[in-house]
Amino acid sequence: PAAVPAERFTAAPEKLAAGSGDQA
């Protein structure tokens, strides 16, 4: 992960069933 920048995002509402949906 130190080799490239993180792409941080939240799951699309239609994909999110529970939780924050936070991903990287």
mmCIF file of all heavy atoms, coordinates in Angstrom:
data_MODEL
# 
_entry.id   MODEL 
# 
loop_
_atom_site.group_PDB 
_atom_site.id 
_atom_site.type_symbol 
_atom_site.label_atom_id 
_atom_site.label_alt_id 
_atom_site.label_comp_id 
_atom_site.label_asym_id 
_atom_site.label_entity_id 
_atom_site.label_seq_id 
_atom_site.pdbx_PDB_ins_code 
_atom_site.Cartn_x 
_atom_site.Cartn_y 
_atom_site.Cartn_z 
_atom_site.occupancy 
_atom_site.B_iso_or_equiv 
_atom_site.pdbx_formal_charge 
_atom_site.auth_seq_id 
_atom_site.auth_comp_id 
_atom_site.auth_asym_id 
_atom_site.auth_atom_id 
_atom_site.pdbx_PDB_model_num 
ATOM 1   N N   . PRO A 1 1  ? 0.801   -1.226 0.000  1.00 0.00 ? 1  PRO A N   1 
ATOM 2   C CA  . PRO A 1 1  ? 0.000   0.000  0.000  1.00 0.00 ? 1  PRO A CA  1 
ATOM 3   C C   . PRO A 1 1  ? 0.833   1.274  0.000  1.00 0.00 ? 1  PRO A C   1 
ATOM 4   O O   . PRO A 1 1  ? 0.339   2.337  -0.374 1.00 0.00 ? 1  PRO A O   1 
ATOM 5   C CB  . PRO A 1 1  ? -0.847  -0.123 1.270  1.00 0.00 ? 1  PRO A CB  1 
ATOM 6   C CG  . PRO A 1 1  ? -0.113  -1.062 2.140  1.00 0.00 ? 1  PRO A CG  1 
ATOM 7   C CD  . PRO A 1 1  ? 0.603   -2.015 1.210  1.00 0.00 ? 1  PRO A CD  1 
ATOM 8   N N   . ALA A 1 2  ? 2.101   1.195  0.377  1.00 0.00 ? 2  ALA A N   1 
ATOM 9   C CA  . ALA A 1 2  ? 2.961   2.381  0.336  1.00 0.00 ? 2  ALA A CA  1 
ATOM 10  C C   . ALA A 1 2  ? 3.387   2.726  -1.093 1.00 0.00 ? 2  ALA A C   1 
ATOM 11  O O   . ALA A 1 2  ? 3.869   3.827  -1.349 1.00 0.00 ? 2  ALA A O   1 
ATOM 12  C CB  . ALA A 1 2  ? 4.199   2.156  1.208  1.00 0.00 ? 2  ALA A CB  1 
ATOM 13  N N   . ALA A 1 3  ? 3.174   1.798  -2.022 1.00 0.00 ? 3  ALA A N   1 
ATOM 14  C CA  . ALA A 1 3  ? 3.633   1.990  -3.403 1.00 0.00 ? 3  ALA A CA  1 
ATOM 15  C C   . ALA A 1 3  ? 2.702   2.866  -4.235 1.00 0.00 ? 3  ALA A C   1 
ATOM 16  O O   . ALA A 1 3  ? 3.122   3.440  -5.233 1.00 0.00 ? 3  ALA A O   1 
ATOM 17  C CB  . ALA A 1 3  ? 3.809   0.629  -4.078 1.00 0.00 ? 3  ALA A CB  1 
ATOM 18  N N   . VAL A 1 4  ? 1.441   2.947  -3.856 1.00 0.00 ? 4  VAL A N   1 
ATOM 19  C CA  . VAL A 1 4  ? 0.446   3.712  -4.614 1.00 0.00 ? 4  VAL A CA  1 
ATOM 20  C C   . VAL A 1 4  ? -0.506  4.414  -3.651 1.00 0.00 ? 4  VAL A C   1 
ATOM 21  O O   . VAL A 1 4  ? -0.700  3.953  -2.522 1.00 0.00 ? 4  VAL A O   1 
ATOM 22  C CB  . VAL A 1 4  ? -0.374  2.802  -5.565 1.00 0.00 ? 4  VAL A CB  1 
ATOM 23  C CG1 . VAL A 1 4  ? 0.483   2.221  -6.663 1.00 0.00 ? 4  VAL A CG1 1 
ATOM 24  C CG2 . VAL A 1 4  ? -1.079  1.705  -4.806 1.00 0.00 ? 4  VAL A CG2 1 
ATOM 25  N N   . PRO A 1 5  ? -1.128  5.506  -4.073 1.00 0.00 ? 5  PRO A N   1 
ATOM 26  C CA  . PRO A 1 5  ? -2.092  6.176  -3.192 1.00 0.00 ? 5  PRO A CA  1 
ATOM 27  C C   . PRO A 1 5  ? -3.366  5.346  -3.048 1.00 0.00 ? 5  PRO A C   1 
ATOM 28  O O   . PRO A 1 5  ? -3.750  4.616  -3.966 1.00 0.00 ? 5  PRO A O   1 
ATOM 29  C CB  . PRO A 1 5  ? -2.370  7.500  -3.899 1.00 0.00 ? 5  PRO A CB  1 
ATOM 30  C CG  . PRO A 1 5  ? -1.972  7.285  -5.317 1.00 0.00 ? 5  PRO A CG  1 
ATOM 31  C CD  . PRO A 1 5  ? -0.917  6.219  -5.321 1.00 0.00 ? 5  PRO A CD  1 
ATOM 32  N N   . ALA A 1 6  ? -3.994  5.483  -1.900 1.00 0.00 ? 6  ALA A N   1 
ATOM 33  C CA  . ALA A 1 6  ? -5.266  4.790  -1.659 1.00 0.00 ? 6  ALA A CA  1 
ATOM 34  C C   . ALA A 1 6  ? -6.388  5.496  -2.399 1.00 0.00 ? 6  ALA A C   1 
ATOM 35  O O   . ALA A 1 6  ? -6.410  6.719  -2.495 1.00 0.00 ? 6  ALA A O   1 
ATOM 36  C CB  . ALA A 1 6  ? -5.580  4.761  -0.171 1.00 0.00 ? 6  ALA A CB  1 
ATOM 37  N N   . GLU A 1 7  ? -7.305  4.708  -2.924 1.00 0.00 ? 7  GLU A N   1 
ATOM 38  C CA  . GLU A 1 7  ? -8.557  5.237  -3.457 1.00 0.00 ? 7  GLU A CA  1 
ATOM 39  C C   . GLU A 1 7  ? -9.609  4.899  -2.402 1.00 0.00 ? 7  GLU A C   1 
ATOM 40  O O   . GLU A 1 7  ? -9.948  3.726  -2.207 1.00 0.00 ? 7  GLU A O   1 
ATOM 41  C CB  . GLU A 1 7  ? -8.903  4.567  -4.790 1.00 0.00 ? 7  GLU A CB  1 
ATOM 42  C CG  . GLU A 1 7  ? -10.231 5.002  -5.355 1.00 0.00 ? 7  GLU A CG  1 
ATOM 43  C CD  . GLU A 1 7  ? -10.653 4.200  -6.576 1.00 0.00 ? 7  GLU A CD  1 
ATOM 44  O OE1 . GLU A 1 7  ? -9.803  3.597  -7.242 1.00 0.00 ? 7  GLU A OE1 1 
ATOM 45  O OE2 . GLU A 1 7  ? -11.868 4.177  -6.837 1.00 0.00 ? 7  GLU A OE2 1 
ATOM 46  N N   . ARG A 1 8  ? -10.075 5.885  -1.661 1.00 0.00 ? 8  ARG A N   1 
ATOM 47  C CA  . ARG A 1 8  ? -11.060 5.676  -0.586 1.00 0.00 ? 8  ARG A CA  1 
ATOM 48  C C   . ARG A 1 8  ? -12.443 6.032  -1.124 1.00 0.00 ? 8  ARG A C   1 
ATOM 49  O O   . ARG A 1 8  ? -12.616 7.023  -1.813 1.00 0.00 ? 8  ARG A O   1 
ATOM 50  C CB  . ARG A 1 8  ? -10.709 6.518  0.626  1.00 0.00 ? 8  ARG A CB  1 
ATOM 51  C CG  . ARG A 1 8  ? -9.371  6.107  1.207  1.00 0.00 ? 8  ARG A CG  1 
ATOM 52  C CD  . ARG A 1 8  ? -9.062  6.744  2.556  1.00 0.00 ? 8  ARG A CD  1 
ATOM 53  N NE  . ARG A 1 8  ? -7.746  6.320  3.002  1.00 0.00 ? 8  ARG A NE  1 
ATOM 54  C CZ  . ARG A 1 8  ? -7.465  5.179  3.587  1.00 0.00 ? 8  ARG A CZ  1 
ATOM 55  N NH1 . ARG A 1 8  ? -8.427  4.312  3.825  1.00 0.00 ? 8  ARG A NH1 1 
ATOM 56  N NH2 . ARG A 1 8  ? -6.226  4.874  3.945  1.00 0.00 ? 8  ARG A NH2 1 
ATOM 57  N N   . PHE A 1 9  ? -13.430 5.195  -0.778 1.00 0.00 ? 9  PHE A N   1 
ATOM 58  C CA  . PHE A 1 9  ? -14.780 5.413  -1.278 1.00 0.00 ? 9  PHE A CA  1 
ATOM 59  C C   . PHE A 1 9  ? -15.791 4.738  -0.363 1.00 0.00 ? 9  PHE A C   1 
ATOM 60  O O   . PHE A 1 9  ? -15.429 3.956  0.517  1.00 0.00 ? 9  PHE A O   1 
ATOM 61  C CB  . PHE A 1 9  ? -14.914 4.899  -2.715 1.00 0.00 ? 9  PHE A CB  1 
ATOM 62  C CG  . PHE A 1 9  ? -14.625 3.429  -2.875 1.00 0.00 ? 9  PHE A CG  1 
ATOM 63  C CD1 . PHE A 1 9  ? -15.645 2.496  -2.912 1.00 0.00 ? 9  PHE A CD1 1 
ATOM 64  C CD2 . PHE A 1 9  ? -13.313 2.974  -2.982 1.00 0.00 ? 9  PHE A CD2 1 
ATOM 65  C CE1 . PHE A 1 9  ? -15.366 1.136  -3.057 1.00 0.00 ? 9  PHE A CE1 1 
ATOM 66  C CE2 . PHE A 1 9  ? -13.027 1.626  -3.125 1.00 0.00 ? 9  PHE A CE2 1 
ATOM 67  C CZ  . PHE A 1 9  ? -14.058 0.708  -3.163 1.00 0.00 ? 9  PHE A CZ  1 
ATOM 68  N N   . THR A 1 10 ? -17.045 5.044  -0.584 1.00 0.00 ? 10 THR A N   1 
ATOM 69  C CA  . THR A 1 10 ? -18.155 4.436  0.148  1.00 0.00 ? 10 THR A CA  1 
ATOM 70  C C   . THR A 1 10 ? -18.986 3.653  -0.858 1.00 0.00 ? 10 THR A C   1 
ATOM 71  O O   . THR A 1 10 ? -19.203 4.131  -1.984 1.00 0.00 ? 10 THR A O   1 
ATOM 72  C CB  . THR A 1 10 ? -19.011 5.521  0.829  1.00 0.00 ? 10 THR A CB  1 
ATOM 73  O OG1 . THR A 1 10 ? -18.170 6.245  1.722  1.00 0.00 ? 10 THR A OG1 1 
ATOM 74  C CG2 . THR A 1 10 ? -20.160 4.923  1.615  1.00 0.00 ? 10 THR A CG2 1 
ATOM 75  N N   . ALA A 1 11 ? -19.448 2.482  -0.461 1.00 0.00 ? 11 ALA A N   1 
ATOM 76  C CA  . ALA A 1 11 ? -20.262 1.656  -1.351 1.00 0.00 ? 11 ALA A CA  1 
ATOM 77  C C   . ALA A 1 11 ? -21.496 2.426  -1.809 1.00 0.00 ? 11 ALA A C   1 
ATOM 78  O O   . ALA A 1 11 ? -22.066 3.225  -1.058 1.00 0.00 ? 11 ALA A O   1 
ATOM 79  C CB  . ALA A 1 11 ? -20.679 0.373  -0.639 1.00 0.00 ? 11 ALA A CB  1 
ATOM 80  N N   . ALA A 1 12 ? -21.911 2.179  -3.040 1.00 0.00 ? 12 ALA A N   1 
ATOM 81  C CA  . ALA A 1 12 ? -23.123 2.789  -3.584 1.00 0.00 ? 12 ALA A CA  1 
ATOM 82  C C   . ALA A 1 12 ? -24.329 2.364  -2.737 1.00 0.00 ? 12 ALA A C   1 
ATOM 83  O O   . ALA A 1 12 ? -24.362 1.236  -2.233 1.00 0.00 ? 12 ALA A O   1 
ATOM 84  C CB  . ALA A 1 12 ? -23.313 2.352  -5.031 1.00 0.00 ? 12 ALA A CB  1 
ATOM 85  N N   . PRO A 1 13 ? -25.312 3.248  -2.578 1.00 0.00 ? 13 PRO A N   1 
ATOM 86  C CA  . PRO A 1 13 ? -26.471 2.933  -1.719 1.00 0.00 ? 13 PRO A CA  1 
ATOM 87  C C   . PRO A 1 13 ? -27.160 1.619  -2.067 1.00 0.00 ? 13 PRO A C   1 
ATOM 88  O O   . PRO A 1 13 ? -27.590 0.893  -1.169 1.00 0.00 ? 13 PRO A O   1 
ATOM 89  C CB  . PRO A 1 13 ? -27.422 4.126  -1.945 1.00 0.00 ? 13 PRO A CB  1 
ATOM 90  C CG  . PRO A 1 13 ? -26.533 5.245  -2.380 1.00 0.00 ? 13 PRO A CG  1 
ATOM 91  C CD  . PRO A 1 13 ? -25.401 4.598  -3.142 1.00 0.00 ? 13 PRO A CD  1 
ATOM 92  N N   . GLU A 1 14 ? -27.242 1.278  -3.364 1.00 0.00 ? 14 GLU A N   1 
ATOM 93  C CA  . GLU A 1 14 ? -27.916 0.031  -3.749 1.00 0.00 ? 14 GLU A CA  1 
ATOM 94  C C   . GLU A 1 14 ? -27.113 -1.213 -3.380 1.00 0.00 ? 14 GLU A C   1 
ATOM 95  O O   . GLU A 1 14 ? -27.653 -2.311 -3.317 1.00 0.00 ? 14 GLU A O   1 
ATOM 96  C CB  . GLU A 1 14 ? -28.254 0.024  -5.250 1.00 0.00 ? 14 GLU A CB  1 
ATOM 97  C CG  . GLU A 1 14 ? -27.065 0.036  -6.182 1.00 0.00 ? 14 GLU A CG  1 
ATOM 98  C CD  . GLU A 1 14 ? -26.506 1.423  -6.503 1.00 0.00 ? 14 GLU A CD  1 
ATOM 99  O OE1 . GLU A 1 14 ? -26.892 2.420  -5.865 1.00 0.00 ? 14 GLU A OE1 1 
ATOM 100 O OE2 . GLU A 1 14 ? -25.651 1.487  -7.405 1.00 0.00 ? 14 GLU A OE2 1 
ATOM 101 N N   . LYS A 1 15 ? -25.814 -1.042 -3.122 1.00 0.00 ? 15 LYS A N   1 
ATOM 102 C CA  . LYS A 1 15 ? -24.971 -2.169 -2.716 1.00 0.00 ? 15 LYS A CA  1 
ATOM 103 C C   . LYS A 1 15 ? -24.857 -2.305 -1.206 1.00 0.00 ? 15 LYS A C   1 
ATOM 104 O O   . LYS A 1 15 ? -24.505 -3.356 -0.703 1.00 0.00 ? 15 LYS A O   1 
ATOM 105 C CB  . LYS A 1 15 ? -23.565 -2.027 -3.318 1.00 0.00 ? 15 LYS A CB  1 
ATOM 106 C CG  . LYS A 1 15 ? -23.545 -2.200 -4.816 1.00 0.00 ? 15 LYS A CG  1 
ATOM 107 C CD  . LYS A 1 15 ? -22.140 -2.216 -5.345 1.00 0.00 ? 15 LYS A CD  1 
ATOM 108 C CE  . LYS A 1 15 ? -22.152 -2.490 -6.830 1.00 0.00 ? 15 LYS A CE  1 
ATOM 109 N NZ  . LYS A 1 15 ? -20.826 -2.676 -7.365 1.00 0.00 ? 15 LYS A NZ  1 
ATOM 110 N N   . LEU A 1 16 ? -25.154 -1.238 -0.480 1.00 0.00 ? 16 LEU A N   1 
ATOM 111 C CA  . LEU A 1 16 ? -24.956 -1.219 0.964  1.00 0.00 ? 16 LEU A CA  1 
ATOM 112 C C   . LEU A 1 16 ? -26.187 -1.767 1.689  1.00 0.00 ? 16 LEU A C   1 
ATOM 113 O O   . LEU A 1 16 ? -27.254 -1.179 1.645  1.00 0.00 ? 16 LEU A O   1 
ATOM 114 C CB  . LEU A 1 16 ? -24.660 0.219  1.431  1.00 0.00 ? 16 LEU A CB  1 
ATOM 115 C CG  . LEU A 1 16 ? -24.306 0.411  2.882  1.00 0.00 ? 16 LEU A CG  1 
ATOM 116 C CD1 . LEU A 1 16 ? -23.077 -0.407 3.261  1.00 0.00 ? 16 LEU A CD1 1 
ATOM 117 C CD2 . LEU A 1 16 ? -24.085 1.886  3.178  1.00 0.00 ? 16 LEU A CD2 1 
ATOM 118 N N   . ALA A 1 17 ? -26.018 -2.925 2.346  1.00 0.00 ? 17 ALA A N   1 
ATOM 119 C CA  . ALA A 1 17 ? -27.105 -3.538 3.106  1.00 0.00 ? 17 ALA A CA  1 
ATOM 120 C C   . ALA A 1 17 ? -27.011 -3.186 4.589  1.00 0.00 ? 17 ALA A C   1 
ATOM 121 O O   . ALA A 1 17 ? -28.021 -3.122 5.279  1.00 0.00 ? 17 ALA A O   1 
ATOM 122 C CB  . ALA A 1 17 ? -27.094 -5.059 2.923  1.00 0.00 ? 17 ALA A CB  1 
ATOM 123 N N   . ALA A 1 18 ? -25.784 -2.966 5.100  1.00 0.00 ? 18 ALA A N   1 
ATOM 124 C CA  . ALA A 1 18 ? -25.583 -2.607 6.511  1.00 0.00 ? 18 ALA A CA  1 
ATOM 125 C C   . ALA A 1 18 ? -24.187 -2.035 6.679  1.00 0.00 ? 18 ALA A C   1 
ATOM 126 O O   . ALA A 1 18 ? -23.268 -2.362 5.922  1.00 0.00 ? 18 ALA A O   1 
ATOM 127 C CB  . ALA A 1 18 ? -25.748 -3.843 7.401  1.00 0.00 ? 18 ALA A CB  1 
ATOM 128 N N   . GLY A 1 19 ? -24.014 -1.185 7.688  1.00 0.00 ? 19 GLY A N   1 
ATOM 129 C CA  . GLY A 1 19 ? -22.704 -0.617 7.983  1.00 0.00 ? 19 GLY A CA  1 
ATOM 130 C C   . GLY A 1 19 ? -22.451 0.673  7.225  1.00 0.00 ? 19 GLY A C   1 
ATOM 131 O O   . GLY A 1 19 ? -23.346 1.228  6.581  1.00 0.00 ? 19 GLY A O   1 
ATOM 132 N N   . SER A 1 20 ? -21.206 1.149  7.299  1.00 0.00 ? 20 SER A N   1 
ATOM 133 C CA  . SER A 1 20 ? -20.844 2.433  6.681  1.00 0.00 ? 20 SER A CA  1 
ATOM 134 C C   . SER A 1 20 ? -20.552 2.313  5.191  1.00 0.00 ? 20 SER A C   1 
ATOM 135 O O   . SER A 1 20 ? -20.664 3.293  4.460  1.00 0.00 ? 20 SER A O   1 
ATOM 136 C CB  . SER A 1 20 ? -19.618 3.008  7.383  1.00 0.00 ? 20 SER A CB  1 
ATOM 137 O OG  . SER A 1 20 ? -18.473 2.213  7.101  1.00 0.00 ? 20 SER A OG  1 
ATOM 138 N N   . GLY A 1 21 ? -20.105 1.153  4.741  1.00 0.00 ? 21 GLY A N   1 
ATOM 139 C CA  . GLY A 1 21 ? -19.714 0.974  3.345  1.00 0.00 ? 21 GLY A CA  1 
ATOM 140 C C   . GLY A 1 21 ? -18.357 1.559  3.023  1.00 0.00 ? 21 GLY A C   1 
ATOM 141 O O   . GLY A 1 21 ? -17.956 1.614  1.862  1.00 0.00 ? 21 GLY A O   1 
ATOM 142 N N   . ASP A 1 22 ? -17.607 1.991  4.059  1.00 0.00 ? 22 ASP A N   1 
ATOM 143 C CA  . ASP A 1 22 ? -16.287 2.580  3.838  1.00 0.00 ? 22 ASP A CA  1 
ATOM 144 C C   . ASP A 1 22 ? -15.301 1.524  3.356  1.00 0.00 ? 22 ASP A C   1 
ATOM 145 O O   . ASP A 1 22 ? -15.200 0.443  3.950  1.00 0.00 ? 22 ASP A O   1 
ATOM 146 C CB  . ASP A 1 22 ? -15.751 3.228  5.118  1.00 0.00 ? 22 ASP A CB  1 
ATOM 147 C CG  . ASP A 1 22 ? -16.542 4.473  5.507  1.00 0.00 ? 22 ASP A CG  1 
ATOM 148 O OD1 . ASP A 1 22 ? -17.241 5.038  4.643  1.00 0.00 ? 22 ASP A OD1 1 
ATOM 149 O OD2 . ASP A 1 22 ? -16.448 4.879  6.681  1.00 0.00 ? 22 ASP A OD2 1 
ATOM 150 N N   . GLN A 1 23 ? -14.577 1.858  2.263  1.00 0.00 ? 23 GLN A N   1 
ATOM 151 C CA  . GLN A 1 23 ? -13.620 0.949  1.662  1.00 0.00 ? 23 GLN A CA  1 
ATOM 152 C C   . GLN A 1 23 ? -12.426 1.726  1.150  1.00 0.00 ? 23 GLN A C   1 
ATOM 153 O O   . GLN A 1 23 ? -12.505 2.939  0.952  1.00 0.00 ? 23 GLN A O   1 
ATOM 154 C CB  . GLN A 1 23 ? -14.261 0.210  0.475  1.00 0.00 ? 23 GLN A CB  1 
ATOM 155 C CG  . GLN A 1 23 ? -15.491 -0.597 0.851  1.00 0.00 ? 23 GLN A CG  1 
ATOM 156 C CD  . GLN A 1 23 ? -16.173 -1.147 -0.381 1.00 0.00 ? 23 GLN A CD  1 
ATOM 157 O OE1 . GLN A 1 23 ? -15.600 -1.932 -1.116 1.00 0.00 ? 23 GLN A OE1 1 
ATOM 158 N NE2 . GLN A 1 23 ? -17.403 -0.727 -0.612 1.00 0.00 ? 23 GLN A NE2 1 
ATOM 159 N N   . ALA A 1 24 ? -11.338 1.022  0.910  1.00 0.00 ? 24 ALA A N   1 
ATOM 160 C CA  . ALA A 1 24 ? -10.157 1.608  0.278  1.00 0.00 ? 24 ALA A CA  1 
ATOM 161 C C   . ALA A 1 24 ? -9.520  0.556  -0.612 1.00 0.00 ? 24 ALA A C   1 
ATOM 162 O O   . ALA A 1 24 ? -9.558  -0.638 -0.304 1.00 0.00 ? 24 ALA A O   1 
ATOM 163 C CB  . ALA A 1 24 ? -9.154  2.089  1.323  1.00 0.00 ? 24 ALA A CB  1 
# 
